[in-house]
Amino acid sequence: MKKKIIITSLILALAMVNKNPSLAAKTEAGQTEIKENIKDAVKETYVIKEIGDESVILNKKGQDSDLVSVPKEDFKYIELTIGKEVNITSDGINLLSDPGQFSKIYKIEEVGDLEDQDKISEKFIVKEINEEAVTVEKEGSEGELYTLAKKYFEKDLSVGDRYEISHNDIVMNSYPAQFNKIYEVRKLEKEDEKINEASDKGNTKADKNPKTGISPAILSLSALTVSLAGLKINKKK
């Protein structure tokens, strides 16, 4: 009887291996099988710590030593920046590695935007343009530099252009500095040119008669000249 039980157990084990070879490999390596039941999903907040060529290292928010490694390709629609917070929905199981790895990831999403009152808008001047990034200097603060992805700016970008950048006033510890969250980047027109154009238009309208094309000032001067000439003639008489 004992022999039959042992043989039956072996047959069942072999059947499981043939049915799911990947599961057997994971078990042999001391790793936990992947759960496909999304009801068991766990959502946790992580902070991006390092960005590599193929993977991203994150630490659980509030626990700097609790590190995980996630393939870079999993961050499909998220702009990767150091310090950014993301919510990772997983099966709650970490594989045995250093740093840890998720057994199964269902979703990665950015932490929701801050309230409107946390947004601030400041003016910057473009100082340097590279293939993928742009360095700007805060207007009125010489040497206070920031770097942004080139995609935020207009195509006809050039050094000296002025932009208004709306952000959450949280800056990453780098040089040049980086904004934690950018809400809007808007190009500013050159104020001097606007003022001059408005002034020229105003002068043109005020100084010229639309019918004669002669400015009122010239007409007044002419009338004054005629009056003076009339006085001189009367005196002679």
C-alpha atoms as a PDB file:
ATOM      1  CA  MET A   1       0.000   0.000   0.000  1.00  0.00           C
ATOM      2  CA  LYS A   2       2.773   2.408   0.834  1.00  0.00           C
ATOM      3  CA  LYS A   3       4.459   1.788  -2.508  1.00  0.00           C
ATOM      4  CA  LYS A   4       1.259   2.648  -4.384  1.00  0.00           C
ATOM      5  CA  ILE A   5       0.913   5.926  -2.508  1.00  0.00           C
ATOM      6  CA  ILE A   6       4.510   6.933  -3.295  1.00  0.00           C
ATOM      7  CA  ILE A   7       4.131   6.073  -6.991  1.00  0.00           C
ATOM      8  CA  THR A   8       0.870   8.024  -7.211  1.00  0.00           C
ATOM      9  CA  SER A   9       2.529  11.087  -5.648  1.00  0.00           C
ATOM     10  CA  LEU A  10       5.359  10.950  -8.158  1.00  0.00           C
ATOM     11  CA  ILE A  11       2.927  10.749 -11.075  1.00  0.00           C
ATOM     12  CA  LEU A  12       1.032  13.797  -9.812  1.00  0.00           C
ATOM     13  CA  ALA A  13       4.254  15.782  -9.369  1.00  0.00           C
ATOM     14  CA  LEU A  14       5.404  14.956 -12.911  1.00  0.00           C
ATOM     15  CA  ALA A  15       2.007  15.949 -14.275  1.00  0.00           C
ATOM     16  CA  MET A  16       2.259  19.376 -12.612  1.00  0.00           C
ATOM     17  CA  VAL A  17       5.737  19.927 -14.039  1.00  0.00           C
ATOM     18  CA  ASN A  18       4.602  19.074 -17.571  1.00  0.00           C
ATOM     19  CA  LYS A  19       1.522  21.233 -17.243  1.00  0.00           C
ATOM     20  CA  ASN A  20       3.406  24.358 -16.120  1.00  0.00           C
ATOM     21  CA  PRO A  21       7.185  24.181 -16.691  1.00  0.00           C
ATOM     22  CA  SER A  22       7.679  27.852 -15.762  1.00  0.00           C
ATOM     23  CA  LEU A  23       5.985  27.267 -12.418  1.00  0.00           C
ATOM     24  CA  ALA A  24       8.307  24.340 -11.704  1.00  0.00           C
ATOM     25  CA  ALA A  25      11.352  26.449 -12.540  1.00  0.00           C
ATOM     26  CA  LYS A  26      10.217  29.180 -10.176  1.00  0.00           C
ATOM     27  CA  THR A  27       9.605  26.681  -7.406  1.00  0.00           C
ATOM     28  CA  GLU A  28      13.067  25.163  -7.860  1.00  0.00           C
ATOM     29  CA  ALA A  29      14.627  28.623  -7.681  1.00  0.00           C
ATOM     30  CA  GLY A  30      12.854  29.305  -4.389  1.00  0.00           C
ATOM     31  CA  GLN A  31      10.538  31.886  -5.919  1.00  0.00           C
ATOM     32  CA  THR A  32       6.816  32.195  -5.401  1.00  0.00           C
ATOM     33  CA  GLU A  33       4.378  31.416  -8.178  1.00  0.00           C
ATOM     34  CA  ILE A  34       2.626  34.330  -9.870  1.00  0.00           C
ATOM     35  CA  LYS A  35      -0.960  34.946  -8.823  1.00  0.00           C
ATOM     36  CA  GLU A  36      -3.314  35.774 -11.679  1.00  0.00           C
ATOM     37  CA  ASN A  37      -6.280  36.652  -9.453  1.00  0.00           C
ATOM     38  CA  ILE A  38      -6.468  40.461  -9.485  1.00  0.00           C
ATOM     39  CA  LYS A  39      -8.724  40.351  -6.411  1.00  0.00           C
ATOM     40  CA  ASP A  40      -5.550  39.728  -4.420  1.00  0.00           C
ATOM     41  CA  ALA A  41      -3.959  42.946  -5.792  1.00  0.00           C
ATOM     42  CA  VAL A  42      -2.107  45.311  -3.439  1.00  0.00           C
ATOM     43  CA  LYS A  43      -1.629  49.014  -4.220  1.00  0.00           C
ATOM     44  CA  GLU A  44       1.405  50.764  -2.661  1.00  0.00           C
ATOM     45  CA  THR A  45       3.224  54.057  -3.213  1.00  0.00           C
ATOM     46  CA  TYR A  46       6.886  54.028  -4.279  1.00  0.00           C
ATOM     47  CA  VAL A  47       9.444  56.768  -4.975  1.00  0.00           C
ATOM     48  CA  ILE A  48      11.804  56.618  -7.980  1.00  0.00           C
ATOM     49  CA  LYS A  49      15.364  56.451  -6.639  1.00  0.00           C
ATOM     50  CA  GLU A  50      17.542  55.492  -9.620  1.00  0.00           C
ATOM     51  CA  ILE A  51      16.957  55.273 -13.384  1.00  0.00           C
ATOM     52  CA  GLY A  52      19.059  52.764 -15.296  1.00  0.00           C
ATOM     53  CA  ASP A  53      19.206  51.744 -18.962  1.00  0.00           C
ATOM     54  CA  GLU A  54      16.869  48.776 -18.514  1.00  0.00           C
ATOM     55  CA  SER A  55      15.419  49.039 -15.009  1.00  0.00           C
ATOM     56  CA  VAL A  56      14.231  51.548 -12.399  1.00  0.00           C
ATOM     57  CA  ILE A  57      15.034  51.317  -8.680  1.00  0.00           C
ATOM     58  CA  LEU A  58      12.331  52.520  -6.297  1.00  0.00           C
ATOM     59  CA  ASN A  59      11.890  52.615  -2.540  1.00  0.00           C
ATOM     60  CA  LYS A  60       8.613  52.216  -0.723  1.00  0.00           C
ATOM     61  CA  LYS A  61       7.404  55.621   0.431  1.00  0.00           C
ATOM     62  CA  GLY A  62       8.595  56.243   3.978  1.00  0.00           C
ATOM     63  CA  GLN A  63      10.978  53.255   3.888  1.00  0.00           C
ATOM     64  CA  ASP A  64      14.208  54.214   2.141  1.00  0.00           C
ATOM     65  CA  SER A  65      15.785  50.782   2.612  1.00  0.00           C
ATOM     66  CA  ASP A  66      12.846  48.861   1.123  1.00  0.00           C
ATOM     67  CA  LEU A  67      14.030  48.787  -2.506  1.00  0.00           C
ATOM     68  CA  VAL A  68      12.524  47.171  -5.582  1.00  0.00           C
ATOM     69  CA  SER A  69      13.652  46.916  -9.200  1.00  0.00           C
ATOM     70  CA  VAL A  70      11.100  47.293 -12.012  1.00  0.00           C
ATOM     71  CA  PRO A  71      11.770  46.916 -15.763  1.00  0.00           C
ATOM     72  CA  LYS A  72      11.912  50.307 -17.458  1.00  0.00           C
ATOM     73  CA  GLU A  73       9.483  49.166 -20.143  1.00  0.00           C
ATOM     74  CA  ASP A  74       6.724  48.861 -17.518  1.00  0.00           C
ATOM     75  CA  PHE A  75       6.640  52.675 -17.201  1.00  0.00           C
ATOM     76  CA  LYS A  76       4.953  53.104 -20.580  1.00  0.00           C
ATOM     77  CA  TYR A  77       3.317  56.524 -20.263  1.00  0.00           C
ATOM     78  CA  ILE A  78       5.173  57.914 -17.259  1.00  0.00           C
ATOM     79  CA  GLU A  79       8.017  60.416 -17.533  1.00  0.00           C
ATOM     80  CA  LEU A  80      10.763  59.042 -15.326  1.00  0.00           C
ATOM     81  CA  THR A  81      12.341  61.548 -12.944  1.00  0.00           C
ATOM     82  CA  ILE A  82      14.167  61.037  -9.660  1.00  0.00           C
ATOM     83  CA  GLY A  83      11.869  61.605  -6.697  1.00  0.00           C
ATOM     84  CA  LYS A  84       8.592  61.087  -8.568  1.00  0.00           C
ATOM     85  CA  GLU A  85       5.972  59.083  -6.677  1.00  0.00           C
ATOM     86  CA  VAL A  86       4.083  56.266  -8.393  1.00  0.00           C
ATOM     87  CA  ASN A  87       1.406  53.845  -7.272  1.00  0.00           C
ATOM     88  CA  ILE A  88       2.249  50.224  -8.086  1.00  0.00           C
ATOM     89  CA  THR A  89      -0.560  47.660  -8.042  1.00  0.00           C
ATOM     90  CA  SER A  90       0.893  44.168  -7.681  1.00  0.00           C
ATOM     91  CA  ASP A  91       0.014  40.750  -6.305  1.00  0.00           C
ATOM     92  CA  GLY A  92       1.803  41.757  -3.090  1.00  0.00           C
ATOM     93  CA  ILE A  93       4.519  39.126  -3.528  1.00  0.00           C
ATOM     94  CA  ASN A  94       8.213  40.033  -3.821  1.00  0.00           C
ATOM     95  CA  LEU A  95      10.762  37.642  -5.303  1.00  0.00           C
ATOM     96  CA  LEU A  96      13.944  36.866  -3.396  1.00  0.00           C
ATOM     97  CA  SER A  97      16.506  39.233  -4.921  1.00  0.00           C
ATOM     98  CA  ASP A  98      18.435  42.383  -4.042  1.00  0.00           C
ATOM     99  CA  PRO A  99      16.806  44.768  -4.747  1.00  0.00           C
ATOM    100  CA  GLY A 100      13.475  42.969  -4.614  1.00  0.00           C
ATOM    101  CA  GLN A 101      11.260  42.308  -7.624  1.00  0.00           C
ATOM    102  CA  PHE A 102       7.506  42.042  -7.938  1.00  0.00           C
ATOM    103  CA  SER A 103       6.146  38.636  -8.808  1.00  0.00           C
ATOM    104  CA  LYS A 104       3.352  40.255 -10.809  1.00  0.00           C
ATOM    105  CA  ILE A 105       2.588  43.920 -11.625  1.00  0.00           C
ATOM    106  CA  TYR A 106      -0.914  44.845 -12.735  1.00  0.00           C
ATOM    107  CA  LYS A 107      -0.594  48.619 -13.066  1.00  0.00           C
ATOM    108  CA  ILE A 108       1.807  51.538 -12.513  1.00  0.00           C
ATOM    109  CA  GLU A 109       0.394  55.062 -12.314  1.00  0.00           C
ATOM    110  CA  GLU A 110       1.549  58.485 -11.177  1.00  0.00           C
ATOM    111  CA  VAL A 111       0.340  59.757  -7.833  1.00  0.00           C
ATOM    112  CA  GLY A 112      -2.520  62.228  -8.399  1.00  0.00           C
ATOM    113  CA  ASP A 113      -1.823  65.892  -9.090  1.00  0.00           C
ATOM    114  CA  LEU A 114      -1.609  68.340  -6.212  1.00  0.00           C
ATOM    115  CA  GLU A 115      -4.312  70.892  -5.459  1.00  0.00           C
ATOM    116  CA  ASP A 116      -4.435  74.038  -7.596  1.00  0.00           C
ATOM    117  CA  GLN A 117      -3.298  76.191  -4.672  1.00  0.00           C
ATOM    118  CA  ASP A 118      -0.010  74.255  -4.639  1.00  0.00           C
ATOM    119  CA  LYS A 119       0.809  75.354  -8.200  1.00  0.00           C
ATOM    120  CA  ILE A 120       3.077  78.334  -8.740  1.00  0.00           C
ATOM    121  CA  SER A 121       4.046  80.061 -11.989  1.00  0.00           C
ATOM    122  CA  GLU A 122       7.437  81.678 -12.594  1.00  0.00           C
ATOM    123  CA  LYS A 123       9.239  83.193 -15.574  1.00  0.00           C
ATOM    124  CA  PHE A 124      12.398  81.660 -17.046  1.00  0.00           C
ATOM    125  CA  ILE A 125      14.856  82.380 -19.843  1.00  0.00           C
ATOM    126  CA  VAL A 126      16.210  79.646 -22.131  1.00  0.00           C
ATOM    127  CA  LYS A 127      19.981  79.376 -21.632  1.00  0.00           C
ATOM    128  CA  GLU A 128      20.954  76.123 -23.368  1.00  0.00           C
ATOM    129  CA  ILE A 129      19.299  73.659 -25.789  1.00  0.00           C
ATOM    130  CA  ASN A 130      20.386  70.030 -26.131  1.00  0.00           C
ATOM    131  CA  GLU A 131      18.976  67.105 -28.117  1.00  0.00           C
ATOM    132  CA  GLU A 132      16.555  65.995 -25.376  1.00  0.00           C
ATOM    133  CA  ALA A 133      16.691  68.677 -22.669  1.00  0.00           C
ATOM    134  CA  VAL A 134      16.540  72.425 -22.227  1.00  0.00           C
ATOM    135  CA  THR A 135      18.271  74.442 -19.491  1.00  0.00           C
ATOM    136  CA  VAL A 136      16.461  77.548 -18.257  1.00  0.00           C
ATOM    137  CA  GLU A 137      17.378  80.262 -15.776  1.00  0.00           C
ATOM    138  CA  LYS A 138      14.873  81.809 -13.380  1.00  0.00           C
ATOM    139  CA  GLU A 139      14.253  85.417 -14.378  1.00  0.00           C
ATOM    140  CA  GLY A 140      15.833  87.791 -11.874  1.00  0.00           C
ATOM    141  CA  SER A 141      17.880  85.015 -10.201  1.00  0.00           C
ATOM    142  CA  GLU A 142      21.210  84.682 -11.998  1.00  0.00           C
ATOM    143  CA  GLY A 143      22.663  81.171 -11.826  1.00  0.00           C
ATOM    144  CA  GLU A 144      19.421  79.502 -10.685  1.00  0.00           C
ATOM    145  CA  LEU A 145      19.211  76.852 -13.405  1.00  0.00           C
ATOM    146  CA  TYR A 146      16.662  74.140 -14.142  1.00  0.00           C
ATOM    147  CA  THR A 147      16.496  71.424 -16.775  1.00  0.00           C
ATOM    148  CA  LEU A 148      13.325  70.243 -18.530  1.00  0.00           C
ATOM    149  CA  ALA A 149      12.540  67.748 -21.269  1.00  0.00           C
ATOM    150  CA  LYS A 150      12.554  69.361 -24.697  1.00  0.00           C
ATOM    151  CA  LYS A 151       9.012  68.127 -25.418  1.00  0.00           C
ATOM    152  CA  TYR A 152       7.573  70.861 -23.162  1.00  0.00           C
ATOM    153  CA  PHE A 153       8.754  73.648 -25.470  1.00  0.00           C
ATOM    154  CA  GLU A 154       7.691  74.896 -28.887  1.00  0.00           C
ATOM    155  CA  LYS A 155       9.503  73.696 -32.013  1.00  0.00           C
ATOM    156  CA  ASP A 156      10.947  77.122 -32.863  1.00  0.00           C
ATOM    157  CA  LEU A 157      12.849  77.196 -29.569  1.00  0.00           C
ATOM    158  CA  SER A 158      15.934  79.385 -29.335  1.00  0.00           C
ATOM    159  CA  VAL A 159      18.290  80.698 -26.640  1.00  0.00           C
ATOM    160  CA  GLY A 160      16.910  83.840 -25.022  1.00  0.00           C
ATOM    161  CA  ASP A 161      13.251  82.877 -25.339  1.00  0.00           C
ATOM    162  CA  ARG A 162      11.118  83.582 -22.280  1.00  0.00           C
ATOM    163  CA  TYR A 163       8.725  81.010 -20.834  1.00  0.00           C
ATOM    164  CA  GLU A 164       6.325  80.852 -17.927  1.00  0.00           C
ATOM    165  CA  ILE A 165       6.518  77.503 -16.133  1.00  0.00           C
ATOM    166  CA  SER A 166       3.807  76.312 -13.735  1.00  0.00           C
ATOM    167  CA  HIS A 167       5.041  73.681 -11.253  1.00  0.00           C
ATOM    168  CA  ASN A 168       4.372  72.311  -7.752  1.00  0.00           C
ATOM    169  CA  ASP A 169       7.352  74.108  -6.141  1.00  0.00           C
ATOM    170  CA  ILE A 170       9.103  70.810  -5.344  1.00  0.00           C
ATOM    171  CA  VAL A 171      12.618  70.556  -6.773  1.00  0.00           C
ATOM    172  CA  MET A 172      14.792  67.453  -7.199  1.00  0.00           C
ATOM    173  CA  ASN A 173      18.291  67.476  -5.750  1.00  0.00           C
ATOM    174  CA  SER A 174      20.342  67.685  -8.948  1.00  0.00           C
ATOM    175  CA  TYR A 175      22.311  70.217 -11.008  1.00  0.00           C
ATOM    176  CA  PRO A 176      20.738  71.792 -12.874  1.00  0.00           C
ATOM    177  CA  ALA A 177      17.683  71.296 -10.674  1.00  0.00           C
ATOM    178  CA  GLN A 178      14.573  69.457 -11.899  1.00  0.00           C
ATOM    179  CA  PHE A 179      10.942  70.124 -11.095  1.00  0.00           C
ATOM    180  CA  ASN A 180       9.056  67.294  -9.411  1.00  0.00           C
ATOM    181  CA  LYS A 181       5.869  68.080 -11.356  1.00  0.00           C
ATOM    182  CA  ILE A 182       5.259  70.398 -14.309  1.00  0.00           C
ATOM    183  CA  TYR A 183       1.715  71.523 -15.092  1.00  0.00           C
ATOM    184  CA  GLU A 184       2.240  73.932 -17.977  1.00  0.00           C
ATOM    185  CA  VAL A 185       5.019  75.558 -20.017  1.00  0.00           C
ATOM    186  CA  ARG A 186       3.877  78.673 -21.915  1.00  0.00           C
ATOM    187  CA  LYS A 187       5.961  80.859 -24.208  1.00  0.00           C
ATOM    188  CA  LEU A 188       5.986  84.584 -23.427  1.00  0.00           C
ATOM    189  CA  GLU A 189       6.165  87.274 -26.101  1.00  0.00           C
ATOM    190  CA  LYS A 190       8.831  89.951 -25.806  1.00  0.00           C
ATOM    191  CA  GLU A 191       7.181  92.707 -23.779  1.00  0.00           C
ATOM    192  CA  ASP A 192       9.316  95.508 -25.266  1.00  0.00           C
ATOM    193  CA  GLU A 193       8.245  94.639 -28.805  1.00  0.00           C
ATOM    194  CA  LYS A 194       4.588  94.578 -27.766  1.00  0.00           C
ATOM    195  CA  ILE A 195       4.846  97.968 -26.064  1.00  0.00           C
ATOM    196  CA  ASN A 196       6.605  99.540 -29.040  1.00  0.00           C
ATOM    197  CA  GLU A 197       4.100  98.120 -31.498  1.00  0.00           C
ATOM    198  CA  ALA A 198       1.172  99.399 -29.429  1.00  0.00           C
ATOM    199  CA  SER A 199       2.840 102.806 -29.116  1.00  0.00           C
ATOM    200  CA  ASP A 200       3.483 103.050 -32.857  1.00  0.00           C
ATOM    201  CA  LYS A 201      -0.106 102.123 -33.674  1.00  0.00           C
ATOM    202  CA  GLY A 202      -1.424 104.672 -31.197  1.00  0.00           C
ATOM    203  CA  ASN A 203       0.748 107.433 -32.583  1.00  0.00           C
ATOM    204  CA  THR A 204      -0.235 106.636 -36.137  1.00  0.00           C
ATOM    205  CA  LYS A 205      -3.940 106.870 -35.350  1.00  0.00           C
ATOM    206  CA  ALA A 206      -3.630 110.043 -33.279  1.00  0.00           C
ATOM    207  CA  ASP A 207      -1.192 111.934 -35.486  1.00  0.00           C
ATOM    208  CA  LYS A 208      -2.767 111.485 -38.926  1.00  0.00           C
ATOM    209  CA  ASN A 209      -6.090 112.493 -40.357  1.00  0.00           C
ATOM    210  CA  PRO A 210      -7.593 109.393 -42.058  1.00  0.00           C
ATOM    211  CA  LYS A 211      -8.827 111.538 -45.028  1.00  0.00           C
ATOM    212  CA  THR A 212      -5.887 113.881 -45.660  1.00  0.00           C
ATOM    213  CA  GLY A 213      -3.048 111.842 -44.177  1.00  0.00           C
ATOM    214  CA  ILE A 214      -1.789 114.991 -42.449  1.00  0.00           C
ATOM    215  CA  SER A 215      -1.271 114.988 -38.709  1.00  0.00           C
ATOM    216  CA  PRO A 216      -3.230 117.465 -36.513  1.00  0.00           C
ATOM    217  CA  ALA A 217       0.055 118.816 -35.165  1.00  0.00           C
ATOM    218  CA  ILE A 218       1.145 119.962 -38.642  1.00  0.00           C
ATOM    219  CA  LEU A 219      -2.244 121.524 -39.308  1.00  0.00           C
ATOM    220  CA  SER A 220      -2.098 123.428 -36.019  1.00  0.00           C
ATOM    221  CA  LEU A 221       1.408 124.690 -36.812  1.00  0.00           C
ATOM    222  CA  SER A 222       0.278 125.836 -40.238  1.00  0.00           C
ATOM    223  CA  ALA A 223      -2.707 127.694 -38.782  1.00  0.00           C
ATOM    224  CA  LEU A 224      -0.427 129.398 -36.243  1.00  0.00           C
ATOM    225  CA  THR A 225       1.943 130.491 -39.000  1.00  0.00           C
ATOM    226  CA  VAL A 226      -0.909 131.969 -41.020  1.00  0.00           C
ATOM    227  CA  SER A 227      -2.195 133.853 -37.970  1.00  0.00           C
ATOM    228  CA  LEU A 228       1.233 135.355 -37.244  1.00  0.00           C
ATOM    229  CA  ALA A 229       1.577 136.395 -40.867  1.00  0.00           C
ATOM    230  CA  GLY A 230      -1.818 138.141 -40.688  1.00  0.00           C
ATOM    231  CA  LEU A 231      -0.730 140.077 -37.597  1.00  0.00           C
ATOM    232  CA  LYS A 232       2.395 141.333 -39.312  1.00  0.00           C
ATOM    233  CA  ILE A 233       0.394 142.574 -42.298  1.00  0.00           C
ATOM    234  CA  ASN A 234      -2.051 144.453 -40.033  1.00  0.00           C
ATOM    235  CA  LYS A 235       0.813 146.155 -38.199  1.00  0.00           C
ATOM    236  CA  LYS A 236       2.313 147.387 -41.459  1.00  0.00           C
ATOM    237  CA  LYS A 237      -0.980 148.913 -42.483  1.00  0.00           C
END
